[in-house]
């Protein structure tokens, strides 16, 4: 078995486990990467916040793109501030045609008993029920994982994350 021994100034040697005598001498200087390093695969997302009726109902939709295979997913949720209706997640199906995100949302909470609707995001414009009483905020973001290990360590499902390209260098 070998182990590494750091000798100053910055000479690295491999040693036998039974001694501290070097068996191989490495160059006396290390090659370090300077700058930001290689471009890496990152997730990107667009968040649409639909503020309806002056904050009474706030819908949040997040469209996420996986750089490994180009797939896109969309999640939705509703925060109800009317003092009566509960908050809920929404099951969302969608398509993107000519840059317009068309979607169908179904409220998940039993209280809403299958309430659903169709709408669209056309750039920074919401087109759908109550559109005259809606303020739309759109933000785009990209992850910034410094490497694949950083992505895996921040993921809840480590096994799935370990098989992803996110954080790996783009080749």
N, C-alpha and C. Protein backbone atom coordinates (compact mmCIF):
# COMPACT_ATOMS: atom_id res chain seq x y z
N UNK A 1 0.84 -1.16 0.00
CA UNK A 1 0.00 0.00 0.00
C UNK A 1 0.89 1.23 0.00
N UNK A 2 0.48 2.26 -0.74
CA UNK A 2 1.25 3.50 -0.80
C UNK A 2 0.43 4.60 -0.15
N UNK A 3 1.12 5.60 0.37
CA UNK A 3 0.46 6.80 0.87
C UNK A 3 1.24 8.00 0.39
N UNK A 4 0.60 9.14 0.34
CA UNK A 4 1.25 10.33 -0.15
C UNK A 4 1.92 11.09 0.98
N UNK A 5 3.08 11.61 0.69
CA UNK A 5 3.83 12.39 1.66
C UNK A 5 4.11 13.73 1.03
N UNK A 6 3.77 14.81 1.70
CA UNK A 6 4.00 16.15 1.20
C UNK A 6 5.31 16.65 1.77
N UNK A 7 6.24 16.90 0.86
CA UNK A 7 7.54 17.44 1.26
C UNK A 7 7.62 18.88 0.79
N UNK A 8 8.12 19.74 1.61
CA UNK A 8 8.23 21.14 1.23
C UNK A 8 9.49 21.34 0.42
N UNK A 9 9.55 22.15 -0.55
CA UNK A 9 8.45 22.99 -1.04
C UNK A 9 7.65 22.28 -2.13
N UNK A 10 6.48 21.85 -1.80
CA UNK A 10 5.51 21.27 -2.70
C UNK A 10 6.00 20.10 -3.53
N UNK A 11 6.80 19.24 -2.98
CA UNK A 11 7.19 18.02 -3.68
C UNK A 11 6.36 16.89 -3.09
N UNK A 12 5.75 16.11 -3.95
CA UNK A 12 4.90 15.02 -3.48
C UNK A 12 5.62 13.71 -3.74
N UNK A 13 5.60 12.85 -2.75
CA UNK A 13 6.26 11.56 -2.90
C UNK A 13 5.32 10.46 -2.45
N UNK A 14 5.38 9.32 -3.09
CA UNK A 14 4.62 8.16 -2.67
C UNK A 14 5.54 7.32 -1.79
N UNK A 15 5.03 6.86 -0.65
CA UNK A 15 5.85 6.10 0.29
C UNK A 15 5.24 4.74 0.53
N UNK A 16 6.10 3.77 0.84
CA UNK A 16 5.60 2.49 1.28
C UNK A 16 4.95 2.69 2.65
N UNK A 17 3.93 1.91 2.95
CA UNK A 17 3.24 2.04 4.23
C UNK A 17 4.16 1.73 5.40
N UNK A 18 5.18 0.91 5.20
CA UNK A 18 6.05 0.50 6.29
C UNK A 18 7.20 1.48 6.55
N UNK A 19 7.37 2.48 5.66
CA UNK A 19 8.46 3.43 5.88
C UNK A 19 8.02 4.83 5.48
N UNK A 20 8.86 5.77 5.72
CA UNK A 20 8.59 7.13 5.28
C UNK A 20 9.56 7.54 4.18
N UNK A 21 10.27 6.56 3.63
CA UNK A 21 11.21 6.86 2.56
C UNK A 21 10.46 6.88 1.23
N UNK A 22 10.67 7.89 0.44
CA UNK A 22 9.96 7.98 -0.84
C UNK A 22 10.36 6.86 -1.79
N UNK A 23 9.36 6.31 -2.51
CA UNK A 23 9.62 5.32 -3.54
C UNK A 23 9.57 5.98 -4.92
N UNK A 24 8.87 7.11 -5.04
CA UNK A 24 8.81 7.86 -6.29
C UNK A 24 8.77 9.33 -5.93
N UNK A 25 9.47 10.13 -6.66
CA UNK A 25 9.46 11.56 -6.43
C UNK A 25 8.65 12.22 -7.54
N UNK A 26 7.74 13.07 -7.16
CA UNK A 26 6.94 13.81 -8.12
C UNK A 26 7.59 15.15 -8.39
N UNK A 27 7.15 15.87 -9.42
CA UNK A 27 7.71 17.19 -9.69
C UNK A 27 7.58 18.08 -8.46
N UNK A 28 8.48 19.04 -8.35
CA UNK A 28 8.50 19.91 -7.18
C UNK A 28 7.46 21.01 -7.22
N UNK A 29 6.65 21.10 -8.26
CA UNK A 29 5.60 22.13 -8.33
C UNK A 29 4.29 21.47 -8.74
N UNK A 30 3.19 22.01 -8.25
CA UNK A 30 1.87 21.51 -8.58
C UNK A 30 1.26 22.38 -9.67
N UNK A 31 0.50 21.79 -10.56
CA UNK A 31 -0.22 22.54 -11.58
C UNK A 31 -1.61 22.83 -11.04
N UNK A 32 -1.91 24.09 -10.81
CA UNK A 32 -3.20 24.47 -10.27
C UNK A 32 -4.03 25.14 -11.35
N UNK A 33 -5.34 24.91 -11.34
CA UNK A 33 -6.24 25.55 -12.29
C UNK A 33 -6.53 26.96 -11.80
N UNK A 34 -6.39 27.92 -12.68
CA UNK A 34 -6.65 29.31 -12.33
C UNK A 34 -7.93 29.74 -13.03
N UNK A 35 -8.76 30.52 -12.36
CA UNK A 35 -9.99 31.01 -12.96
C UNK A 35 -11.17 30.17 -12.52
N UNK A 36 -12.23 30.22 -13.32
CA UNK A 36 -13.48 29.53 -12.97
C UNK A 36 -13.50 28.07 -13.37
N UNK A 37 -12.50 27.62 -14.10
CA UNK A 37 -12.48 26.22 -14.52
C UNK A 37 -13.39 26.00 -15.71
N UNK A 38 -13.66 24.73 -16.03
CA UNK A 38 -14.45 24.42 -17.23
C UNK A 38 -15.92 24.75 -17.03
N UNK A 39 -16.61 24.98 -18.14
CA UNK A 39 -18.06 25.16 -18.09
C UNK A 39 -18.67 23.85 -17.62
N UNK A 40 -19.71 23.93 -16.83
CA UNK A 40 -20.34 22.74 -16.27
C UNK A 40 -21.83 22.72 -16.57
N UNK A 41 -22.39 21.51 -16.66
CA UNK A 41 -23.83 21.37 -16.85
C UNK A 41 -24.54 21.93 -15.62
N UNK A 42 -25.53 22.79 -15.84
CA UNK A 42 -26.30 23.40 -14.76
C UNK A 42 -27.78 23.32 -15.11
N UNK A 43 -28.62 23.25 -14.09
CA UNK A 43 -30.06 23.31 -14.33
C UNK A 43 -30.44 24.77 -14.56
N UNK A 44 -31.50 24.97 -15.31
CA UNK A 44 -32.03 26.32 -15.49
C UNK A 44 -33.52 26.27 -15.23
N UNK A 45 -34.05 27.38 -14.73
CA UNK A 45 -35.49 27.41 -14.45
C UNK A 45 -36.04 28.81 -14.68
N UNK A 46 -37.32 28.82 -14.98
CA UNK A 46 -38.07 30.07 -15.10
C UNK A 46 -39.21 29.97 -14.10
N UNK A 47 -39.31 30.97 -13.25
CA UNK A 47 -40.38 31.01 -12.24
C UNK A 47 -41.39 32.07 -12.63
N UNK A 48 -42.65 31.67 -12.66
CA UNK A 48 -43.75 32.56 -12.97
C UNK A 48 -44.57 32.73 -11.69
N UNK A 49 -44.66 33.94 -11.18
CA UNK A 49 -45.48 34.20 -9.99
C UNK A 49 -46.68 35.02 -10.45
N UNK A 50 -47.85 34.42 -10.31
CA UNK A 50 -49.10 35.05 -10.71
C UNK A 50 -49.77 35.59 -9.45
N UNK A 51 -49.74 36.90 -9.29
CA UNK A 51 -50.33 37.56 -8.13
C UNK A 51 -51.72 38.03 -8.55
N UNK A 52 -52.74 37.29 -8.10
CA UNK A 52 -54.12 37.57 -8.52
C UNK A 52 -54.89 38.30 -7.43
N UNK A 53 -55.65 39.25 -7.87
CA UNK A 53 -56.54 40.01 -6.99
C UNK A 53 -55.79 40.61 -5.80
N UNK A 54 -54.72 41.34 -6.13
CA UNK A 54 -53.94 42.09 -5.14
C UNK A 54 -53.39 41.22 -4.02
N UNK A 55 -52.92 40.04 -4.37
CA UNK A 55 -52.27 39.16 -3.41
C UNK A 55 -53.20 38.18 -2.71
N UNK A 56 -54.47 38.17 -3.09
CA UNK A 56 -55.40 37.22 -2.46
C UNK A 56 -55.03 35.79 -2.83
N UNK A 57 -54.65 35.59 -4.08
CA UNK A 57 -54.23 34.27 -4.56
C UNK A 57 -52.89 34.42 -5.27
N UNK A 58 -51.91 33.67 -4.83
CA UNK A 58 -50.59 33.73 -5.45
C UNK A 58 -50.23 32.33 -5.96
N UNK A 59 -50.18 32.23 -7.28
CA UNK A 59 -49.78 30.98 -7.93
C UNK A 59 -48.31 31.09 -8.28
N UNK A 60 -47.56 30.02 -8.05
CA UNK A 60 -46.15 29.98 -8.45
C UNK A 60 -45.95 28.75 -9.32
N UNK A 61 -45.42 28.98 -10.51
CA UNK A 61 -45.12 27.90 -11.44
C UNK A 61 -43.62 27.94 -11.74
N UNK A 62 -42.98 26.79 -11.67
CA UNK A 62 -41.54 26.71 -11.94
C UNK A 62 -41.31 25.72 -13.08
N UNK A 63 -40.76 26.24 -14.17
CA UNK A 63 -40.43 25.44 -15.34
C UNK A 63 -38.92 25.18 -15.29
N UNK A 64 -38.53 23.91 -15.14
CA UNK A 64 -37.12 23.54 -14.97
C UNK A 64 -36.66 22.70 -16.16
N UNK A 65 -35.45 23.01 -16.63
CA UNK A 65 -34.85 22.26 -17.74
C UNK A 65 -33.66 21.46 -17.22
N UNK A 66 -33.65 20.17 -17.53
CA UNK A 66 -32.55 19.29 -17.17
C UNK A 66 -31.55 19.31 -18.32
N UNK A 67 -30.31 19.74 -18.08
CA UNK A 67 -29.34 19.84 -19.17
C UNK A 67 -28.83 18.50 -19.67
N UNK A 68 -29.04 17.45 -18.91
CA UNK A 68 -28.50 16.14 -19.28
C UNK A 68 -29.25 15.54 -20.47
N UNK A 69 -30.57 15.74 -20.50
CA UNK A 69 -31.36 15.14 -21.57
C UNK A 69 -32.35 16.13 -22.20
N UNK A 70 -32.35 17.38 -21.73
CA UNK A 70 -33.22 18.40 -22.31
C UNK A 70 -34.66 18.34 -21.86
N UNK A 71 -34.99 17.42 -20.95
CA UNK A 71 -36.38 17.32 -20.50
C UNK A 71 -36.75 18.54 -19.65
N UNK A 72 -38.03 18.85 -19.66
CA UNK A 72 -38.53 19.96 -18.88
C UNK A 72 -39.67 19.49 -17.99
N UNK A 73 -39.74 20.05 -16.79
CA UNK A 73 -40.81 19.75 -15.86
C UNK A 73 -41.39 21.07 -15.37
N UNK A 74 -42.63 21.02 -14.93
CA UNK A 74 -43.27 22.23 -14.40
C UNK A 74 -44.05 21.85 -13.15
N UNK A 75 -43.81 22.61 -12.09
CA UNK A 75 -44.55 22.42 -10.84
C UNK A 75 -45.39 23.66 -10.58
N UNK A 76 -46.42 23.48 -9.78
CA UNK A 76 -47.28 24.62 -9.46
C UNK A 76 -47.76 24.55 -8.03
N UNK A 77 -48.05 25.73 -7.49
CA UNK A 77 -48.62 25.80 -6.14
C UNK A 77 -49.46 27.06 -6.02
N UNK A 78 -50.36 27.03 -5.06
CA UNK A 78 -51.24 28.17 -4.79
C UNK A 78 -51.16 28.52 -3.32
N UNK A 79 -50.92 29.78 -3.04
CA UNK A 79 -51.03 30.29 -1.67
C UNK A 79 -52.29 31.15 -1.67
N UNK A 80 -53.25 30.75 -0.84
CA UNK A 80 -54.51 31.47 -0.74
C UNK A 80 -54.49 32.34 0.51
N UNK A 81 -54.67 33.63 0.31
CA UNK A 81 -54.68 34.58 1.43
C UNK A 81 -56.06 35.14 1.70
N UNK A 82 -57.10 34.38 1.31
CA UNK A 82 -58.47 34.89 1.50
C UNK A 82 -59.05 34.52 2.87
N UNK A 83 -58.28 33.75 3.66
CA UNK A 83 -58.76 33.38 4.99
C UNK A 83 -59.74 32.22 4.98
N UNK A 84 -60.01 31.67 3.83
CA UNK A 84 -61.00 30.60 3.74
C UNK A 84 -60.45 29.37 3.01
N UNK A 85 -59.97 29.57 1.81
CA UNK A 85 -59.50 28.45 0.99
C UNK A 85 -58.08 28.05 1.38
N UNK A 86 -57.79 26.75 1.39
CA UNK A 86 -56.44 26.31 1.79
C UNK A 86 -55.42 26.49 0.66
N UNK A 87 -54.15 26.48 1.03
CA UNK A 87 -53.07 26.44 0.06
C UNK A 87 -53.06 25.05 -0.57
N UNK A 88 -52.48 24.93 -1.75
CA UNK A 88 -52.42 23.63 -2.40
C UNK A 88 -51.29 23.59 -3.42
N UNK A 89 -50.86 22.38 -3.73
CA UNK A 89 -49.99 22.20 -4.89
C UNK A 89 -50.89 22.02 -6.09
N UNK A 90 -50.32 22.12 -7.27
CA UNK A 90 -51.08 21.94 -8.50
C UNK A 90 -50.34 20.94 -9.39
N UNK A 91 -51.09 20.04 -9.99
CA UNK A 91 -50.52 19.14 -10.98
C UNK A 91 -50.60 19.85 -12.32
N UNK A 92 -49.45 19.99 -12.97
CA UNK A 92 -49.38 20.81 -14.18
C UNK A 92 -48.90 19.98 -15.36
N UNK A 93 -49.63 20.07 -16.47
CA UNK A 93 -49.16 19.56 -17.75
C UNK A 93 -48.99 20.77 -18.66
N UNK A 94 -48.03 20.68 -19.58
CA UNK A 94 -47.76 21.87 -20.38
C UNK A 94 -47.15 21.52 -21.72
N UNK A 95 -47.16 22.49 -22.60
CA UNK A 95 -46.43 22.41 -23.87
C UNK A 95 -45.87 23.79 -24.15
N UNK A 96 -44.80 23.81 -24.93
CA UNK A 96 -44.19 25.08 -25.31
C UNK A 96 -44.21 25.14 -26.83
N UNK A 97 -44.90 26.14 -27.35
CA UNK A 97 -45.02 26.31 -28.79
C UNK A 97 -44.66 27.75 -29.12
N UNK A 98 -43.61 27.91 -29.92
CA UNK A 98 -43.20 29.25 -30.33
C UNK A 98 -42.87 30.16 -29.16
N UNK A 99 -42.32 29.60 -28.09
CA UNK A 99 -41.95 30.39 -26.91
C UNK A 99 -43.09 30.65 -25.94
N UNK A 100 -44.30 30.21 -26.28
CA UNK A 100 -45.46 30.39 -25.40
C UNK A 100 -45.64 29.11 -24.59
N UNK A 101 -45.73 29.24 -23.27
CA UNK A 101 -45.94 28.10 -22.38
C UNK A 101 -47.44 27.97 -22.13
N UNK A 102 -48.05 26.96 -22.73
CA UNK A 102 -49.47 26.66 -22.52
C UNK A 102 -49.55 25.59 -21.45
N UNK A 103 -50.42 25.79 -20.45
CA UNK A 103 -50.48 24.79 -19.39
C UNK A 103 -51.90 24.54 -18.90
N UNK A 104 -52.04 23.37 -18.31
CA UNK A 104 -53.30 22.94 -17.69
C UNK A 104 -52.95 22.62 -16.24
N UNK A 105 -53.64 23.24 -15.29
CA UNK A 105 -53.35 23.04 -13.87
C UNK A 105 -54.57 22.46 -13.17
N UNK A 106 -54.32 21.46 -12.31
CA UNK A 106 -55.37 20.85 -11.49
C UNK A 106 -54.97 21.03 -10.03
N UNK A 107 -55.85 21.61 -9.23
CA UNK A 107 -55.56 21.78 -7.80
C UNK A 107 -55.56 20.42 -7.13
N UNK A 108 -54.55 20.16 -6.28
CA UNK A 108 -54.40 18.84 -5.66
C UNK A 108 -55.19 18.67 -4.36
N UNK A 109 -55.45 19.75 -3.64
CA UNK A 109 -56.12 19.62 -2.33
C UNK A 109 -57.56 19.15 -2.50
N UNK A 110 -58.01 18.22 -1.64
CA UNK A 110 -59.38 17.70 -1.73
C UNK A 110 -60.44 18.81 -1.65
N UNK A 111 -60.13 19.88 -0.95
CA UNK A 111 -61.08 20.99 -0.80
C UNK A 111 -61.56 21.49 -2.17
N UNK A 112 -60.68 21.49 -3.15
CA UNK A 112 -61.00 22.06 -4.46
C UNK A 112 -61.70 21.08 -5.39
N UNK A 113 -61.77 19.82 -5.02
CA UNK A 113 -62.51 18.80 -5.74
C UNK A 113 -62.30 18.84 -7.26
N UNK A 114 -61.02 18.75 -7.66
CA UNK A 114 -60.71 18.66 -9.09
C UNK A 114 -60.77 19.96 -9.86
N UNK A 115 -60.79 21.10 -9.17
CA UNK A 115 -60.80 22.38 -9.89
C UNK A 115 -59.59 22.45 -10.81
N UNK A 116 -59.81 22.88 -12.04
CA UNK A 116 -58.71 22.97 -13.00
C UNK A 116 -58.94 24.12 -13.96
N UNK A 117 -57.89 24.53 -14.62
CA UNK A 117 -58.01 25.59 -15.61
C UNK A 117 -56.86 25.54 -16.59
N UNK A 118 -57.04 26.24 -17.71
CA UNK A 118 -56.02 26.34 -18.75
C UNK A 118 -55.57 27.79 -18.84
N UNK A 119 -54.28 27.98 -19.06
CA UNK A 119 -53.73 29.33 -19.19
C UNK A 119 -52.43 29.25 -19.97
N UNK A 120 -51.79 30.42 -20.16
CA UNK A 120 -50.53 30.46 -20.90
C UNK A 120 -49.67 31.60 -20.39
N UNK A 121 -48.37 31.44 -20.57
CA UNK A 121 -47.40 32.50 -20.33
C UNK A 121 -46.80 32.83 -21.68
N UNK A 122 -47.04 34.04 -22.14
CA UNK A 122 -46.50 34.51 -23.41
C UNK A 122 -45.49 35.60 -23.07
N UNK A 123 -44.23 35.16 -22.88
CA UNK A 123 -43.21 36.12 -22.42
C UNK A 123 -43.53 36.55 -21.00
N UNK A 124 -43.76 37.85 -20.82
CA UNK A 124 -44.09 38.39 -19.49
C UNK A 124 -45.58 38.67 -19.35
N UNK A 125 -46.39 37.94 -20.12
CA UNK A 125 -47.84 38.15 -20.08
C UNK A 125 -48.55 36.86 -19.69
N UNK A 126 -49.46 36.97 -18.74
CA UNK A 126 -50.32 35.83 -18.35
C UNK A 126 -51.59 35.92 -19.16
N UNK A 127 -51.97 34.82 -19.78
CA UNK A 127 -53.21 34.75 -20.54
C UNK A 127 -54.03 33.62 -19.94
N UNK A 128 -55.11 33.97 -19.23
CA UNK A 128 -55.93 32.95 -18.61
C UNK A 128 -57.00 33.56 -17.74
N UNK A 129 -57.66 32.73 -16.91
CA UNK A 129 -58.73 33.21 -16.06
C UNK A 129 -58.26 34.36 -15.16
N UNK A 130 -59.04 35.40 -15.09
CA UNK A 130 -58.74 36.54 -14.22
C UNK A 130 -57.57 37.38 -14.68
N UNK A 131 -57.18 37.25 -15.96
CA UNK A 131 -55.97 37.94 -16.43
C UNK A 131 -56.04 39.46 -16.26
N UNK A 132 -57.22 40.02 -16.22
CA UNK A 132 -57.34 41.47 -16.03
C UNK A 132 -56.95 41.88 -14.61
N UNK A 133 -56.96 40.93 -13.67
CA UNK A 133 -56.67 41.21 -12.27
C UNK A 133 -55.39 40.54 -11.79
N UNK A 134 -54.42 40.38 -12.69
CA UNK A 134 -53.21 39.61 -12.38
C UNK A 134 -51.97 40.47 -12.63
N UNK A 135 -51.03 40.32 -11.71
CA UNK A 135 -49.70 40.88 -11.92
C UNK A 135 -48.75 39.68 -12.04
N UNK A 136 -47.99 39.62 -13.13
CA UNK A 136 -47.10 38.49 -13.38
C UNK A 136 -45.65 38.93 -13.18
N UNK A 137 -44.90 38.13 -12.42
CA UNK A 137 -43.47 38.35 -12.26
C UNK A 137 -42.76 37.11 -12.79
N UNK A 138 -41.81 37.33 -13.69
CA UNK A 138 -41.06 36.22 -14.30
C UNK A 138 -39.59 36.38 -13.95
N UNK A 139 -38.99 35.33 -13.41
CA UNK A 139 -37.55 35.35 -13.13
C UNK A 139 -36.91 34.09 -13.71
N UNK A 140 -35.71 34.26 -14.22
CA UNK A 140 -34.93 33.14 -14.75
C UNK A 140 -33.74 32.92 -13.85
N UNK A 141 -33.39 31.66 -13.65
CA UNK A 141 -32.21 31.36 -12.83
C UNK A 141 -31.50 30.13 -13.37
N UNK A 142 -30.23 30.06 -13.03
CA UNK A 142 -29.39 28.93 -13.40
C UNK A 142 -28.63 28.50 -12.16
N UNK A 143 -28.53 27.19 -11.95
CA UNK A 143 -27.78 26.70 -10.80
C UNK A 143 -26.31 27.05 -10.99
N UNK A 144 -25.53 26.92 -9.93
CA UNK A 144 -24.11 27.26 -10.00
C UNK A 144 -23.30 26.24 -9.20
N UNK A 145 -23.49 24.95 -9.51
CA UNK A 145 -22.74 23.92 -8.80
C UNK A 145 -21.30 23.95 -9.27
N UNK A 146 -20.35 24.00 -8.33
CA UNK A 146 -18.94 24.10 -8.70
C UNK A 146 -18.39 22.80 -9.27
N UNK A 147 -19.04 21.68 -8.96
CA UNK A 147 -18.66 20.39 -9.52
C UNK A 147 -19.78 19.39 -9.26
N UNK A 148 -19.62 18.19 -9.76
CA UNK A 148 -20.67 17.17 -9.61
C UNK A 148 -20.89 16.80 -8.15
N UNK A 149 -19.81 16.72 -7.37
CA UNK A 149 -19.93 16.40 -5.95
C UNK A 149 -20.74 17.44 -5.19
N UNK A 150 -20.60 18.69 -5.56
CA UNK A 150 -21.38 19.77 -4.95
C UNK A 150 -22.87 19.55 -5.22
N UNK A 151 -23.21 19.19 -6.46
CA UNK A 151 -24.61 18.90 -6.81
C UNK A 151 -25.14 17.72 -6.00
N UNK A 152 -24.39 16.63 -5.96
CA UNK A 152 -24.84 15.43 -5.24
C UNK A 152 -25.04 15.74 -3.77
N UNK A 153 -24.10 16.46 -3.16
CA UNK A 153 -24.20 16.74 -1.72
C UNK A 153 -25.40 17.63 -1.38
N UNK A 154 -25.86 18.43 -2.33
CA UNK A 154 -27.01 19.31 -2.09
C UNK A 154 -28.35 18.66 -2.48
N UNK A 155 -28.31 17.47 -3.04
CA UNK A 155 -29.52 16.79 -3.49
C UNK A 155 -30.09 15.89 -2.40
N UNK A 156 -31.42 15.83 -2.34
CA UNK A 156 -32.06 14.94 -1.36
C UNK A 156 -31.90 13.48 -1.75
N UNK A 157 -32.08 13.17 -3.04
CA UNK A 157 -31.95 11.79 -3.50
C UNK A 157 -30.55 11.61 -4.08
N UNK A 158 -29.61 11.24 -3.24
CA UNK A 158 -28.21 11.15 -3.62
C UNK A 158 -27.97 10.11 -4.72
N UNK A 159 -28.72 9.01 -4.72
CA UNK A 159 -28.53 7.97 -5.72
C UNK A 159 -28.89 8.49 -7.12
N UNK A 160 -30.03 9.17 -7.25
CA UNK A 160 -30.40 9.74 -8.54
C UNK A 160 -29.40 10.81 -8.95
N UNK A 161 -29.02 11.66 -8.00
CA UNK A 161 -28.09 12.76 -8.30
C UNK A 161 -26.75 12.23 -8.78
N UNK A 162 -26.29 11.13 -8.21
CA UNK A 162 -24.99 10.58 -8.58
C UNK A 162 -24.95 10.15 -10.05
N UNK A 163 -26.11 9.83 -10.62
CA UNK A 163 -26.18 9.39 -12.01
C UNK A 163 -26.48 10.53 -12.98
N UNK A 164 -26.52 11.75 -12.48
CA UNK A 164 -26.84 12.91 -13.30
C UNK A 164 -25.57 13.54 -13.87
N UNK A 165 -25.73 14.31 -14.93
CA UNK A 165 -24.58 15.03 -15.49
C UNK A 165 -24.40 16.40 -14.84
N UNK A 166 -25.33 16.83 -14.03
CA UNK A 166 -25.30 18.19 -13.46
C UNK A 166 -24.03 18.36 -12.62
N UNK A 167 -23.33 19.45 -12.90
CA UNK A 167 -22.09 19.76 -12.22
C UNK A 167 -20.85 19.20 -12.90
N UNK A 168 -21.05 18.31 -13.88
CA UNK A 168 -19.91 17.74 -14.59
C UNK A 168 -19.46 18.71 -15.69
N UNK A 169 -18.18 18.64 -16.07
CA UNK A 169 -17.69 19.51 -17.14
C UNK A 169 -18.40 19.21 -18.46
N UNK A 170 -18.67 20.25 -19.23
CA UNK A 170 -19.24 20.09 -20.56
C UNK A 170 -18.09 19.75 -21.49
N UNK A 171 -18.22 18.62 -22.19
CA UNK A 171 -17.14 18.20 -23.08
C UNK A 171 -17.55 18.30 -24.52
